Amino acid sequence: MSRQPRVILLVEDTEDDADLTLRAFRNNGPPCKIVLTRDGRQALDYVFARGAWADRDTSLSPTLILLDLKLPCVSGLEVLRQLRASPQTENVPIVVMSCSTEEADIVTSYRLGANSYIRKPVDFVEFAEAIELLGRYWLVLNQSSNAEGGRP
């Protein structure tokens, strides 16, 4: 029986940050499929298979969500709130990746159920290393049950 690919949902509106993340995963991360959405509404539509994503293969649900906070349409914090409110996604690992070092953003992210908060490194080499570690931890080392949204 073949395994479904692990899916990372990257929610990032800044083109340079999205490109760096995609390149870092391609060069350093574990094998996976990355779906890129550019705003909070698109992210929620993808996860809940509605709108432009209504016909997507729902067996390819995110194994991991990388979420920027400063997003158009629906903020990252609101996306986080809605994902944690749904039984469908309440246990999917969500890593907030933001340039913000505001204590309020960090506290609120964890209060709303983020599994991790990572400040995006400015240097590409540091960023690539962070992505490699992040991917290895959440997609290879971390053990989750099928009931928690993970795949054995």
N, C-alpha and C. Protein backbone atom coordinates (compact mmCIF):
# COMPACT_ATOMS: atom_id res chain seq x y z
N MET A 1 0.84 -1.18 0.00
CA MET A 1 0.00 0.00 0.00
C MET A 1 0.89 1.24 0.00
N SER A 2 0.69 2.15 -0.94
CA SER A 2 1.55 3.33 -1.00
C SER A 2 1.06 4.40 -0.04
N ARG A 3 2.00 5.10 0.53
CA ARG A 3 1.69 6.18 1.47
C ARG A 3 1.31 7.43 0.70
N GLN A 4 0.36 8.16 1.25
CA GLN A 4 0.04 9.47 0.70
C GLN A 4 1.20 10.40 1.03
N PRO A 5 1.49 11.35 0.15
CA PRO A 5 2.57 12.29 0.48
C PRO A 5 2.17 13.17 1.66
N ARG A 6 3.15 13.52 2.45
CA ARG A 6 2.90 14.46 3.54
C ARG A 6 2.72 15.83 2.91
N VAL A 7 1.72 16.54 3.39
CA VAL A 7 1.37 17.84 2.83
C VAL A 7 1.66 18.93 3.85
N ILE A 8 2.39 19.93 3.41
CA ILE A 8 2.60 21.13 4.22
C ILE A 8 1.79 22.24 3.58
N LEU A 9 0.98 22.90 4.37
CA LEU A 9 0.28 24.09 3.91
C LEU A 9 1.11 25.28 4.35
N LEU A 10 1.63 26.01 3.38
CA LEU A 10 2.40 27.23 3.64
C LEU A 10 1.48 28.41 3.40
N VAL A 11 1.23 29.18 4.45
CA VAL A 11 0.35 30.34 4.37
C VAL A 11 1.24 31.57 4.48
N GLU A 12 1.56 32.16 3.33
CA GLU A 12 2.55 33.24 3.28
C GLU A 12 2.20 34.20 2.16
N ASP A 13 2.04 35.48 2.48
CA ASP A 13 1.68 36.47 1.46
C ASP A 13 2.88 37.17 0.86
N THR A 14 4.02 37.16 1.53
CA THR A 14 5.20 37.84 1.02
C THR A 14 5.93 36.92 0.04
N GLU A 15 6.02 37.35 -1.21
CA GLU A 15 6.58 36.49 -2.26
C GLU A 15 8.00 36.02 -1.94
N ASP A 16 8.85 36.93 -1.46
CA ASP A 16 10.23 36.55 -1.15
C ASP A 16 10.28 35.49 -0.05
N ASP A 17 9.48 35.67 1.00
CA ASP A 17 9.46 34.68 2.08
C ASP A 17 8.93 33.34 1.60
N ALA A 18 7.90 33.37 0.76
CA ALA A 18 7.36 32.12 0.21
C ALA A 18 8.42 31.42 -0.64
N ASP A 19 9.09 32.18 -1.51
CA ASP A 19 10.13 31.60 -2.36
C ASP A 19 11.27 31.00 -1.53
N LEU A 20 11.71 31.72 -0.49
CA LEU A 20 12.78 31.22 0.37
C LEU A 20 12.36 29.93 1.07
N THR A 21 11.13 29.90 1.56
CA THR A 21 10.64 28.70 2.25
C THR A 21 10.57 27.52 1.30
N LEU A 22 10.02 27.76 0.11
CA LEU A 22 9.92 26.67 -0.87
C LEU A 22 11.30 26.17 -1.27
N ARG A 23 12.23 27.09 -1.51
CA ARG A 23 13.59 26.69 -1.89
C ARG A 23 14.28 25.94 -0.75
N ALA A 24 14.10 26.42 0.48
CA ALA A 24 14.73 25.76 1.63
C ALA A 24 14.19 24.34 1.79
N PHE A 25 12.88 24.15 1.63
CA PHE A 25 12.33 22.80 1.72
C PHE A 25 12.82 21.92 0.58
N ARG A 26 12.86 22.48 -0.61
CA ARG A 26 13.31 21.71 -1.78
C ARG A 26 14.75 21.24 -1.58
N ASN A 27 15.60 22.12 -1.05
CA ASN A 27 17.02 21.80 -0.90
C ASN A 27 17.36 21.05 0.36
N ASN A 28 16.61 21.29 1.44
CA ASN A 28 17.02 20.76 2.75
C ASN A 28 15.96 19.98 3.50
N GLY A 29 14.73 20.08 3.09
CA GLY A 29 13.65 19.47 3.87
C GLY A 29 13.38 18.04 3.48
N PRO A 30 12.57 17.36 4.29
CA PRO A 30 12.16 16.00 3.95
C PRO A 30 11.19 16.03 2.76
N PRO A 31 11.05 14.90 2.06
CA PRO A 31 10.13 14.86 0.92
C PRO A 31 8.70 15.17 1.37
N CYS A 32 8.05 16.05 0.64
CA CYS A 32 6.69 16.43 0.96
C CYS A 32 6.09 17.22 -0.20
N LYS A 33 4.80 17.40 -0.14
CA LYS A 33 4.10 18.26 -1.10
C LYS A 33 3.80 19.55 -0.35
N ILE A 34 4.10 20.69 -0.97
CA ILE A 34 3.83 21.97 -0.33
C ILE A 34 2.75 22.69 -1.12
N VAL A 35 1.71 23.09 -0.41
CA VAL A 35 0.63 23.87 -0.99
C VAL A 35 0.80 25.28 -0.46
N LEU A 36 0.86 26.26 -1.37
CA LEU A 36 1.04 27.66 -0.99
C LEU A 36 -0.27 28.41 -1.12
N THR A 37 -0.67 29.08 -0.06
CA THR A 37 -1.79 30.00 -0.12
C THR A 37 -1.27 31.37 0.29
N ARG A 38 -1.85 32.42 -0.28
CA ARG A 38 -1.32 33.78 -0.12
C ARG A 38 -2.07 34.65 0.87
N ASP A 39 -3.19 34.16 1.41
CA ASP A 39 -3.90 34.93 2.42
C ASP A 39 -4.69 33.99 3.32
N GLY A 40 -5.22 34.54 4.39
CA GLY A 40 -5.92 33.72 5.36
C GLY A 40 -7.18 33.06 4.82
N ARG A 41 -7.90 33.76 3.97
CA ARG A 41 -9.12 33.18 3.39
C ARG A 41 -8.77 31.98 2.52
N GLN A 42 -7.75 32.10 1.69
CA GLN A 42 -7.33 30.98 0.84
C GLN A 42 -6.92 29.78 1.70
N ALA A 43 -6.21 30.06 2.78
CA ALA A 43 -5.77 28.97 3.66
C ALA A 43 -6.97 28.22 4.24
N LEU A 44 -7.94 28.96 4.75
CA LEU A 44 -9.13 28.32 5.31
C LEU A 44 -9.92 27.58 4.23
N ASP A 45 -10.01 28.18 3.04
CA ASP A 45 -10.71 27.50 1.94
C ASP A 45 -10.01 26.20 1.58
N TYR A 46 -8.66 26.20 1.55
CA TYR A 46 -7.94 24.96 1.25
C TYR A 46 -8.21 23.91 2.32
N VAL A 47 -8.01 24.28 3.56
CA VAL A 47 -8.15 23.31 4.66
C VAL A 47 -9.55 22.71 4.70
N PHE A 48 -10.56 23.55 4.53
CA PHE A 48 -11.94 23.08 4.65
C PHE A 48 -12.57 22.74 3.30
N ALA A 49 -11.75 22.68 2.24
CA ALA A 49 -12.19 22.28 0.89
C ALA A 49 -13.44 23.04 0.46
N ARG A 50 -13.29 24.34 0.39
CA ARG A 50 -14.41 25.17 -0.06
C ARG A 50 -13.89 26.23 -1.03
N GLY A 51 -14.78 26.97 -1.65
CA GLY A 51 -14.38 28.01 -2.60
C GLY A 51 -13.58 27.40 -3.74
N ALA A 52 -12.47 28.05 -4.10
CA ALA A 52 -11.63 27.58 -5.20
C ALA A 52 -11.06 26.18 -4.94
N TRP A 53 -11.04 25.75 -3.69
CA TRP A 53 -10.47 24.45 -3.32
C TRP A 53 -11.55 23.39 -3.06
N ALA A 54 -12.80 23.67 -3.43
CA ALA A 54 -13.91 22.76 -3.13
C ALA A 54 -13.71 21.37 -3.73
N ASP A 55 -13.01 21.29 -4.86
CA ASP A 55 -12.82 20.00 -5.53
C ASP A 55 -11.50 19.32 -5.22
N ARG A 56 -10.74 19.83 -4.25
CA ARG A 56 -9.44 19.23 -3.97
C ARG A 56 -9.59 17.85 -3.35
N ASP A 57 -8.56 17.04 -3.48
CA ASP A 57 -8.52 15.70 -2.91
C ASP A 57 -8.36 15.86 -1.39
N THR A 58 -9.43 15.61 -0.65
CA THR A 58 -9.39 15.83 0.79
C THR A 58 -8.57 14.78 1.54
N SER A 59 -8.14 13.72 0.83
CA SER A 59 -7.25 12.77 1.50
C SER A 59 -5.85 13.38 1.64
N LEU A 60 -5.59 14.45 0.92
CA LEU A 60 -4.30 15.15 1.01
C LEU A 60 -4.44 16.37 1.92
N SER A 61 -4.88 16.13 3.13
CA SER A 61 -5.01 17.21 4.11
C SER A 61 -3.65 17.53 4.70
N PRO A 62 -3.48 18.75 5.19
CA PRO A 62 -2.17 19.13 5.72
C PRO A 62 -1.72 18.27 6.90
N THR A 63 -0.46 17.89 6.84
CA THR A 63 0.21 17.21 7.94
C THR A 63 0.80 18.26 8.87
N LEU A 64 1.09 19.42 8.29
CA LEU A 64 1.72 20.53 9.00
C LEU A 64 1.29 21.82 8.33
N ILE A 65 1.03 22.84 9.15
CA ILE A 65 0.67 24.16 8.62
C ILE A 65 1.71 25.16 9.09
N LEU A 66 2.32 25.86 8.14
CA LEU A 66 3.26 26.95 8.44
C LEU A 66 2.50 28.24 8.18
N LEU A 67 2.31 29.02 9.23
CA LEU A 67 1.38 30.14 9.18
C LEU A 67 2.05 31.47 9.51
N ASP A 68 1.99 32.38 8.55
CA ASP A 68 2.42 33.76 8.80
C ASP A 68 1.31 34.46 9.57
N LEU A 69 1.64 35.46 10.36
CA LEU A 69 0.62 36.18 11.12
C LEU A 69 0.01 37.34 10.36
N LYS A 70 0.84 38.08 9.67
CA LYS A 70 0.40 39.31 8.99
C LYS A 70 -0.08 38.96 7.59
N LEU A 71 -1.36 38.64 7.46
CA LEU A 71 -1.93 38.19 6.20
C LEU A 71 -3.09 39.09 5.77
N PRO A 72 -3.29 39.22 4.45
CA PRO A 72 -4.47 39.93 3.98
C PRO A 72 -5.73 39.07 4.12
N CYS A 73 -6.86 39.69 4.03
CA CYS A 73 -8.20 39.07 4.05
C CYS A 73 -8.57 38.54 5.44
N VAL A 74 -7.85 37.58 5.94
CA VAL A 74 -8.09 37.03 7.28
C VAL A 74 -6.72 36.91 7.94
N SER A 75 -6.57 37.46 9.12
CA SER A 75 -5.27 37.47 9.80
C SER A 75 -4.83 36.06 10.18
N GLY A 76 -3.53 35.90 10.37
CA GLY A 76 -3.01 34.61 10.80
C GLY A 76 -3.58 34.17 12.14
N LEU A 77 -3.78 35.10 13.05
CA LEU A 77 -4.35 34.75 14.34
C LEU A 77 -5.79 34.25 14.19
N GLU A 78 -6.55 34.86 13.30
CA GLU A 78 -7.92 34.39 13.06
C GLU A 78 -7.92 33.03 12.38
N VAL A 79 -7.00 32.80 11.46
CA VAL A 79 -6.87 31.48 10.84
C VAL A 79 -6.58 30.45 11.92
N LEU A 80 -5.63 30.76 12.78
CA LEU A 80 -5.28 29.86 13.89
C LEU A 80 -6.50 29.58 14.76
N ARG A 81 -7.25 30.61 15.11
CA ARG A 81 -8.45 30.47 15.95
C ARG A 81 -9.45 29.51 15.27
N GLN A 82 -9.70 29.70 13.98
CA GLN A 82 -10.68 28.87 13.29
C GLN A 82 -10.20 27.42 13.13
N LEU A 83 -8.92 27.24 12.88
CA LEU A 83 -8.39 25.88 12.75
C LEU A 83 -8.49 25.13 14.07
N ARG A 84 -8.19 25.79 15.16
CA ARG A 84 -8.26 25.12 16.46
C ARG A 84 -9.69 24.89 16.92
N ALA A 85 -10.66 25.63 16.38
CA ALA A 85 -12.06 25.47 16.76
C ALA A 85 -12.71 24.29 16.03
N SER A 86 -12.07 23.78 14.99
CA SER A 86 -12.66 22.70 14.20
C SER A 86 -12.10 21.34 14.63
N PRO A 87 -12.98 20.37 14.88
CA PRO A 87 -12.50 19.02 15.20
C PRO A 87 -11.64 18.44 14.07
N GLN A 88 -11.88 18.86 12.85
CA GLN A 88 -11.13 18.39 11.68
C GLN A 88 -9.65 18.78 11.74
N THR A 89 -9.34 19.91 12.37
CA THR A 89 -7.97 20.44 12.35
C THR A 89 -7.42 20.77 13.73
N GLU A 90 -8.16 20.46 14.77
CA GLU A 90 -7.72 20.90 16.09
C GLU A 90 -6.37 20.33 16.51
N ASN A 91 -5.96 19.22 15.92
CA ASN A 91 -4.69 18.60 16.30
C ASN A 91 -3.62 18.62 15.23
N VAL A 92 -3.88 19.28 14.11
CA VAL A 92 -2.86 19.40 13.07
C VAL A 92 -1.79 20.36 13.58
N PRO A 93 -0.52 19.98 13.54
CA PRO A 93 0.52 20.89 14.01
C PRO A 93 0.53 22.20 13.21
N ILE A 94 0.56 23.31 13.94
CA ILE A 94 0.62 24.62 13.32
C ILE A 94 1.83 25.35 13.88
N VAL A 95 2.72 25.74 12.98
CA VAL A 95 3.91 26.50 13.35
C VAL A 95 3.73 27.91 12.81
N VAL A 96 3.71 28.87 13.71
CA VAL A 96 3.66 30.26 13.31
C VAL A 96 5.07 30.67 12.94
N MET A 97 5.20 31.21 11.73
CA MET A 97 6.49 31.73 11.27
C MET A 97 6.28 33.20 10.95
N SER A 98 6.90 34.05 11.75
CA SER A 98 6.65 35.48 11.61
C SER A 98 7.92 36.28 11.81
N CYS A 99 7.94 37.47 11.23
CA CYS A 99 9.03 38.41 11.49
C CYS A 99 8.81 39.13 12.80
N SER A 100 7.61 39.04 13.34
CA SER A 100 7.26 39.77 14.55
C SER A 100 7.96 39.20 15.78
N THR A 101 8.51 40.10 16.58
CA THR A 101 9.07 39.71 17.87
C THR A 101 8.21 40.29 19.00
N GLU A 102 7.03 40.79 18.64
CA GLU A 102 6.11 41.35 19.63
C GLU A 102 5.68 40.25 20.60
N GLU A 103 5.88 40.51 21.87
CA GLU A 103 5.50 39.54 22.90
C GLU A 103 4.01 39.19 22.80
N ALA A 104 3.17 40.17 22.49
CA ALA A 104 1.73 39.93 22.38
C ALA A 104 1.42 38.93 21.26
N ASP A 105 2.13 39.01 20.14
CA ASP A 105 1.92 38.06 19.04
C ASP A 105 2.30 36.65 19.47
N ILE A 106 3.40 36.53 20.17
CA ILE A 106 3.88 35.22 20.62
C ILE A 106 2.90 34.62 21.63
N VAL A 107 2.52 35.40 22.63
CA VAL A 107 1.60 34.93 23.68
C VAL A 107 0.26 34.55 23.07
N THR A 108 -0.27 35.40 22.21
CA THR A 108 -1.57 35.13 21.60
C THR A 108 -1.52 33.89 20.71
N SER A 109 -0.44 33.72 19.98
CA SER A 109 -0.30 32.54 19.12
C SER A 109 -0.36 31.26 19.95
N TYR A 110 0.38 31.23 21.04
CA TYR A 110 0.35 30.04 21.89
C TYR A 110 -1.00 29.87 22.58
N ARG A 111 -1.59 30.97 23.01
CA ARG A 111 -2.89 30.89 23.67
C ARG A 111 -3.95 30.32 22.73
N LEU A 112 -3.83 30.64 21.44
CA LEU A 112 -4.79 30.15 20.45
C LEU A 112 -4.47 28.74 19.96
N GLY A 113 -3.36 28.17 20.39
CA GLY A 113 -3.08 26.78 20.08
C GLY A 113 -1.95 26.50 19.11
N ALA A 114 -1.10 27.49 18.84
CA ALA A 114 0.07 27.22 18.00
C ALA A 114 0.96 26.19 18.69
N ASN A 115 1.54 25.30 17.91
CA ASN A 115 2.46 24.31 18.46
C ASN A 115 3.86 24.87 18.62
N SER A 116 4.17 25.90 17.83
CA SER A 116 5.49 26.51 17.88
C SER A 116 5.42 27.91 17.27
N TYR A 117 6.32 28.77 17.70
CA TYR A 117 6.42 30.12 17.15
C TYR A 117 7.87 30.33 16.78
N ILE A 118 8.10 30.57 15.51
CA ILE A 118 9.46 30.74 15.01
C ILE A 118 9.59 32.11 14.37
N ARG A 119 10.60 32.84 14.80
CA ARG A 119 10.90 34.12 14.15
C ARG A 119 11.69 33.81 12.90
N LYS A 120 11.23 34.33 11.77
CA LYS A 120 11.90 34.08 10.50
C LYS A 120 13.29 34.71 10.51
N PRO A 121 14.32 33.90 10.33
CA PRO A 121 15.66 34.47 10.23
C PRO A 121 15.79 35.30 8.95
N VAL A 122 16.57 36.36 9.01
CA VAL A 122 16.78 37.22 7.85
C VAL A 122 17.79 36.58 6.90
N ASP A 123 18.81 35.95 7.42
CA ASP A 123 19.87 35.33 6.63
C ASP A 123 19.36 34.03 5.99
N PHE A 124 19.58 33.85 4.68
CA PHE A 124 19.07 32.67 3.99
C PHE A 124 19.65 31.38 4.55
N VAL A 125 20.92 31.34 4.87
CA VAL A 125 21.53 30.11 5.40
C VAL A 125 20.87 29.73 6.73
N GLU A 126 20.67 30.71 7.60
CA GLU A 126 19.98 30.44 8.87
C GLU A 126 18.55 30.00 8.61
N PHE A 127 17.90 30.64 7.64
CA PHE A 127 16.52 30.31 7.31
C PHE A 127 16.44 28.88 6.80
N ALA A 128 17.35 28.50 5.91
CA ALA A 128 17.37 27.14 5.36
C ALA A 128 17.61 26.12 6.47
N GLU A 129 18.50 26.43 7.40
CA GLU A 129 18.75 25.52 8.52
C GLU A 129 17.50 25.39 9.40
N ALA A 130 16.81 26.51 9.63
CA ALA A 130 15.59 26.47 10.44
C ALA A 130 14.53 25.60 9.76
N ILE A 131 14.38 25.74 8.45
CA ILE A 131 13.41 24.95 7.70
C ILE A 131 13.77 23.47 7.74
N GLU A 132 15.06 23.16 7.61
CA GLU A 132 15.50 21.76 7.66
C GLU A 132 15.15 21.15 9.03
N LEU A 133 15.45 21.87 10.09
CA LEU A 133 15.14 21.37 11.44
C LEU A 133 13.64 21.25 11.66
N LEU A 134 12.91 22.26 11.22
CA LEU A 134 11.46 22.27 11.37
C LEU A 134 10.85 21.07 10.62
N GLY A 135 11.24 20.88 9.37
CA GLY A 135 10.72 19.77 8.58
C GLY A 135 11.09 18.43 9.18
N ARG A 136 12.32 18.30 9.60
CA ARG A 136 12.76 17.03 10.18
C ARG A 136 11.96 16.73 11.46
N TYR A 137 11.78 17.73 12.30
CA TYR A 137 11.05 17.48 13.55
C TYR A 137 9.59 17.11 13.27
N TRP A 138 8.86 17.98 12.55
CA TRP A 138 7.42 17.79 12.40
C TRP A 138 7.04 16.67 11.44
N LEU A 139 7.87 16.39 10.44
CA LEU A 139 7.50 15.38 9.45
C LEU A 139 8.21 14.04 9.62
N VAL A 140 9.31 14.02 10.36
CA VAL A 140 10.06 12.78 10.51
C VAL A 140 10.07 12.31 11.97
N LEU A 141 10.50 13.16 12.89
CA LEU A 141 10.67 12.74 14.28
C LEU A 141 9.38 12.73 15.09
N ASN A 142 8.55 13.72 14.92
CA ASN A 142 7.33 13.83 15.71
C ASN A 142 6.38 12.67 15.41
N GLN A 143 5.89 12.03 16.45
CA GLN A 143 4.94 10.94 16.29
C GLN A 143 3.54 11.45 16.64
N SER A 144 2.62 11.26 15.71
CA SER A 144 1.23 11.62 15.97
C SER A 144 0.37 10.46 15.53
N SER A 145 -0.80 10.37 16.13
CA SER A 145 -1.72 9.29 15.77
C SER A 145 -2.62 9.74 14.63
N ASN A 146 -3.24 8.78 13.97
CA ASN A 146 -4.21 9.14 12.93
C ASN A 146 -5.32 10.01 13.49
N ALA A 147 -5.70 9.78 14.74
CA ALA A 147 -6.76 10.57 15.36
C ALA A 147 -6.33 12.01 15.54
N GLU A 148 -5.04 12.26 15.56
CA GLU A 148 -4.54 13.62 15.75
C GLU A 148 -4.20 14.29 14.42
N GLY A 149 -4.61 13.70 13.33
CA GLY A 149 -4.36 14.33 12.04
C GLY A 149 -3.05 13.93 11.41
N GLY A 150 -2.23 13.16 12.13
CA GLY A 150 -0.95 12.74 11.58
C GLY A 150 -1.10 11.46 10.78
N ARG A 151 -0.03 11.05 10.16
CA ARG A 151 -0.02 9.81 9.40
C ARG A 151 1.09 8.93 9.95
N PRO A 152 0.83 7.65 10.14
CA PRO A 152 1.88 6.77 10.68
C PRO A 152 3.04 6.64 9.74
